[in-house]
C-alpha atoms as a PDB file:
ATOM      1  CA  UNK A   1       7.985 -17.708 -24.573  1.00  0.00           C
ATOM      2  CA  UNK A   2       7.423 -17.971 -28.355  1.00  0.00           C
ATOM      3  CA  UNK A   3       8.194 -15.053 -30.857  1.00  0.00           C
ATOM      4  CA  UNK A   4       4.295 -14.832 -31.213  1.00  0.00           C
ATOM      5  CA  UNK A   5       3.799 -14.280 -27.592  1.00  0.00           C
ATOM      6  CA  UNK A   6       6.492 -11.663 -27.380  1.00  0.00           C
ATOM      7  CA  UNK A   7       4.841  -9.941 -30.263  1.00  0.00           C
ATOM      8  CA  UNK A   8       1.325 -10.029 -28.796  1.00  0.00           C
ATOM      9  CA  UNK A   9       2.938  -8.625 -25.571  1.00  0.00           C
ATOM     10  CA  UNK A  10       4.655  -5.833 -27.626  1.00  0.00           C
ATOM     11  CA  UNK A  11       1.267  -4.992 -29.354  1.00  0.00           C
ATOM     12  CA  UNK A  12      -0.478  -4.648 -26.123  1.00  0.00           C
ATOM     13  CA  UNK A  13       2.179  -2.608 -24.641  1.00  0.00           C
ATOM     14  CA  UNK A  14       2.049  -0.202 -27.862  1.00  0.00           C
ATOM     15  CA  UNK A  15      -1.618  -0.030 -27.992  1.00  0.00           C
ATOM     16  CA  UNK A  16      -1.477   1.416 -24.166  1.00  0.00           C
ATOM     17  CA  UNK A  17       0.524   4.332 -25.597  1.00  0.00           C
ATOM     18  CA  UNK A  18      -1.999   5.033 -28.063  1.00  0.00           C
ATOM     19  CA  UNK A  19      -3.877   7.812 -25.986  1.00  0.00           C
ATOM     20  CA  UNK A  20      -4.984   9.866 -29.007  1.00  0.00           C
ATOM     21  CA  UNK A  21      -8.076   9.387 -31.098  1.00  0.00           C
ATOM     22  CA  UNK A  22      -7.973   9.842 -34.896  1.00  0.00           C
ATOM     23  CA  UNK A  23     -10.168   9.702 -37.936  1.00  0.00           C
ATOM     24  CA  UNK A  24      -8.721   8.509 -41.201  1.00  0.00           C
ATOM     25  CA  UNK A  25     -10.345   9.098 -44.552  1.00  0.00           C
ATOM     26  CA  UNK A  26      -9.406   8.130 -48.174  1.00  0.00           C
ATOM     27  CA  UNK A  27      -9.961  10.873 -50.788  1.00  0.00           C
ATOM     28  CA  UNK A  28     -11.746   9.954 -53.935  1.00  0.00           C
ATOM     29  CA  UNK A  29     -11.360  11.466 -57.381  1.00  0.00           C
ATOM     30  CA  UNK A  30     -12.615  15.029 -57.912  1.00  0.00           C
ATOM     31  CA  UNK A  31     -16.193  15.477 -59.197  1.00  0.00           C
ATOM     32  CA  UNK A  32     -18.336  18.426 -59.945  1.00  0.00           C
ATOM     33  CA  UNK A  33     -20.856  19.205 -57.311  1.00  0.00           C
ATOM     34  CA  UNK A  34     -24.349  19.252 -59.402  1.00  0.00           C
ATOM     35  CA  UNK A  35     -25.924  21.766 -57.122  1.00  0.00           C
ATOM     36  CA  UNK A  36     -22.956  24.270 -56.831  1.00  0.00           C
ATOM     37  CA  UNK A  37     -20.773  23.414 -59.859  1.00  0.00           C
ATOM     38  CA  UNK A  38     -17.739  23.391 -57.583  1.00  0.00           C
ATOM     39  CA  UNK A  39     -15.084  20.744 -57.665  1.00  0.00           C
ATOM     40  CA  UNK A  40     -15.301  18.412 -54.680  1.00  0.00           C
ATOM     41  CA  UNK A  41     -13.357  15.605 -53.428  1.00  0.00           C
ATOM     42  CA  UNK A  42     -15.361  12.905 -51.751  1.00  0.00           C
ATOM     43  CA  UNK A  43     -13.928  11.090 -48.739  1.00  0.00           C
ATOM     44  CA  UNK A  44     -14.508   7.613 -47.250  1.00  0.00           C
ATOM     45  CA  UNK A  45     -13.668   6.906 -43.572  1.00  0.00           C
ATOM     46  CA  UNK A  46     -11.286   3.974 -43.404  1.00  0.00           C
ATOM     47  CA  UNK A  47     -10.502   4.038 -39.708  1.00  0.00           C
ATOM     48  CA  UNK A  48     -11.462   5.748 -36.550  1.00  0.00           C
ATOM     49  CA  UNK A  49      -9.967   4.995 -33.148  1.00  0.00           C
ATOM     50  CA  UNK A  50      -6.985   5.217 -31.049  1.00  0.00           C
ATOM     51  CA  UNK A  51      -3.380   6.212 -32.226  1.00  0.00           C
ATOM     52  CA  UNK A  52      -0.221   7.953 -31.181  1.00  0.00           C
ATOM     53  CA  UNK A  53       1.297  10.868 -32.924  1.00  0.00           C
ATOM     54  CA  UNK A  54       5.133  11.160 -32.768  1.00  0.00           C
ATOM     55  CA  UNK A  55       7.812  13.177 -34.727  1.00  0.00           C
ATOM     56  CA  UNK A  56      10.536  11.006 -35.961  1.00  0.00           C
ATOM     57  CA  UNK A  57      12.803  13.640 -37.474  1.00  0.00           C
ATOM     58  CA  UNK A  58      14.653  16.141 -35.104  1.00  0.00           C
ATOM     59  CA  UNK A  59      15.338  18.326 -38.130  1.00  0.00           C
ATOM     60  CA  UNK A  60      12.609  19.928 -40.137  1.00  0.00           C
ATOM     61  CA  UNK A  61      13.180  20.661 -44.003  1.00  0.00           C
ATOM     62  CA  UNK A  62      12.715  24.084 -45.624  1.00  0.00           C
ATOM     63  CA  UNK A  63      12.309  23.394 -49.307  1.00  0.00           C
ATOM     64  CA  UNK A  64      11.736  26.232 -51.750  1.00  0.00           C
ATOM     65  CA  UNK A  65       9.712  25.939 -54.780  1.00  0.00           C
ATOM     66  CA  UNK A  66       7.952  28.610 -56.907  1.00  0.00           C
ATOM     67  CA  UNK A  67       9.784  31.390 -54.909  1.00  0.00           C
ATOM     68  CA  UNK A  68       8.089  30.190 -51.732  1.00  0.00           C
ATOM     69  CA  UNK A  69       9.929  28.710 -48.844  1.00  0.00           C
ATOM     70  CA  UNK A  70       7.791  26.478 -46.488  1.00  0.00           C
ATOM     71  CA  UNK A  71       8.682  24.192 -43.689  1.00  0.00           C
ATOM     72  CA  UNK A  72       8.017  20.613 -43.766  1.00  0.00           C
ATOM     73  CA  UNK A  73       8.031  18.690 -40.165  1.00  0.00           C
ATOM     74  CA  UNK A  74       7.890  14.740 -40.562  1.00  0.00           C
ATOM     75  CA  UNK A  75       5.799  12.915 -38.271  1.00  0.00           C
ATOM     76  CA  UNK A  76       4.717   9.204 -37.519  1.00  0.00           C
ATOM     77  CA  UNK A  77       1.327   8.213 -36.737  1.00  0.00           C
ATOM     78  CA  UNK A  78       1.077   4.985 -34.897  1.00  0.00           C
ATOM     79  CA  UNK A  79      -2.204   2.718 -35.198  1.00  0.00           C
ATOM     80  CA  UNK A  80      -2.922  -0.626 -33.927  1.00  0.00           C
ATOM     81  CA  UNK A  81      -1.706  -3.439 -36.308  1.00  0.00           C
ATOM     82  CA  UNK A  82      -4.410  -4.547 -38.496  1.00  0.00           C
ATOM     83  CA  UNK A  83      -6.660  -1.485 -37.726  1.00  0.00           C
ATOM     84  CA  UNK A  84      -7.227  -0.739 -41.645  1.00  0.00           C
ATOM     85  CA  UNK A  85      -5.251  -1.161 -44.905  1.00  0.00           C
ATOM     86  CA  UNK A  86      -3.441   2.055 -45.044  1.00  0.00           C
ATOM     87  CA  UNK A  87      -2.618   3.847 -48.400  1.00  0.00           C
ATOM     88  CA  UNK A  88      -0.384   6.728 -49.233  1.00  0.00           C
ATOM     89  CA  UNK A  89      -2.522   9.801 -49.573  1.00  0.00           C
ATOM     90  CA  UNK A  90      -5.034   8.820 -46.589  1.00  0.00           C
ATOM     91  CA  UNK A  91      -5.721  11.831 -44.443  1.00  0.00           C
ATOM     92  CA  UNK A  92      -5.464  11.387 -40.694  1.00  0.00           C
ATOM     93  CA  UNK A  93      -7.179  13.986 -38.324  1.00  0.00           C
ATOM     94  CA  UNK A  94      -6.686  13.989 -34.649  1.00  0.00           C
ATOM     95  CA  UNK A  95     -10.053  14.229 -33.036  1.00  0.00           C
ATOM     96  CA  UNK A  96      -8.834  14.053 -29.310  1.00  0.00           C
ATOM     97  CA  UNK A  97      -5.417  14.224 -27.903  1.00  0.00           C
ATOM     98  CA  UNK A  98      -5.301  13.363 -24.104  1.00  0.00           C
ATOM     99  CA  UNK A  99      -1.847  14.559 -23.466  1.00  0.00           C
ATOM    100  CA  UNK A 100      -1.583  17.438 -25.666  1.00  0.00           C
ATOM    101  CA  UNK A 101      -4.752  19.580 -26.565  1.00  0.00           C
ATOM    102  CA  UNK A 102      -2.940  21.500 -29.338  1.00  0.00           C
ATOM    103  CA  UNK A 103      -2.798  18.021 -31.468  1.00  0.00           C
ATOM    104  CA  UNK A 104      -6.531  18.107 -31.489  1.00  0.00           C
ATOM    105  CA  UNK A 105      -7.639  19.225 -35.162  1.00  0.00           C
ATOM    106  CA  UNK A 106      -4.445  18.648 -36.810  1.00  0.00           C
ATOM    107  CA  UNK A 107      -4.533  16.822 -40.122  1.00  0.00           C
ATOM    108  CA  UNK A 108      -1.782  14.835 -41.575  1.00  0.00           C
ATOM    109  CA  UNK A 109      -1.187  13.043 -45.064  1.00  0.00           C
ATOM    110  CA  UNK A 110       0.223   9.592 -45.194  1.00  0.00           C
ATOM    111  CA  UNK A 111       3.373   9.695 -47.244  1.00  0.00           C
ATOM    112  CA  UNK A 112       4.838   6.487 -46.358  1.00  0.00           C
ATOM    113  CA  UNK A 113       3.926   2.903 -45.184  1.00  0.00           C
ATOM    114  CA  UNK A 114       6.388   1.666 -42.949  1.00  0.00           C
ATOM    115  CA  UNK A 115       5.534  -2.073 -42.667  1.00  0.00           C
ATOM    116  CA  UNK A 116       7.534  -4.852 -41.195  1.00  0.00           C
ATOM    117  CA  UNK A 117       7.360  -8.589 -40.139  1.00  0.00           C
ATOM    118  CA  UNK A 118       7.137  -7.968 -36.439  1.00  0.00           C
ATOM    119  CA  UNK A 119       5.525  -4.620 -36.059  1.00  0.00           C
ATOM    120  CA  UNK A 120       3.933  -3.869 -32.695  1.00  0.00           C
ATOM    121  CA  UNK A 121       2.288  -0.970 -34.374  1.00  0.00           C
ATOM    122  CA  UNK A 122       1.574   0.472 -37.726  1.00  0.00           C
ATOM    123  CA  UNK A 123       3.870   3.388 -38.025  1.00  0.00           C
ATOM    124  CA  UNK A 124       2.614   5.797 -40.953  1.00  0.00           C
ATOM    125  CA  UNK A 125       4.970   8.419 -42.232  1.00  0.00           C
ATOM    126  CA  UNK A 126       2.921  11.574 -42.522  1.00  0.00           C
ATOM    127  CA  UNK A 127       3.317  15.089 -43.224  1.00  0.00           C
ATOM    128  CA  UNK A 128       1.052  17.884 -41.687  1.00  0.00           C
ATOM    129  CA  UNK A 129      -1.600  19.067 -43.828  1.00  0.00           C
ATOM    130  CA  UNK A 130      -1.437  22.977 -43.914  1.00  0.00           C
ATOM    131  CA  UNK A 131      -4.637  24.522 -42.778  1.00  0.00           C
END
């Protein structure tokens, strides 16, 4: 079998594990709402569909800033290759999670693009957005 054939098979296998559904938005520049006078940040949907959420670091970090200590747990969101052109700063919201209902509604911000030549999935480095 050719490398392309092996890659196609790997991508099909990876897609079968994408049992969650996400919505990805890209945030625009802040603008003033002409009615309320509030600052708002428009968003544009860039992807909606299947995904898989994984943690990839067994150890969380607890940095301190401004006298406040907080916990950062790193995750990866896996999407089909070619699903969209990801950018750092995109926001991923889990809209449905088949195997873990506690994932539904959680939001993550893309912090790293993990591209490679023979990827079976786009694996985006993300951090959870506090709510």
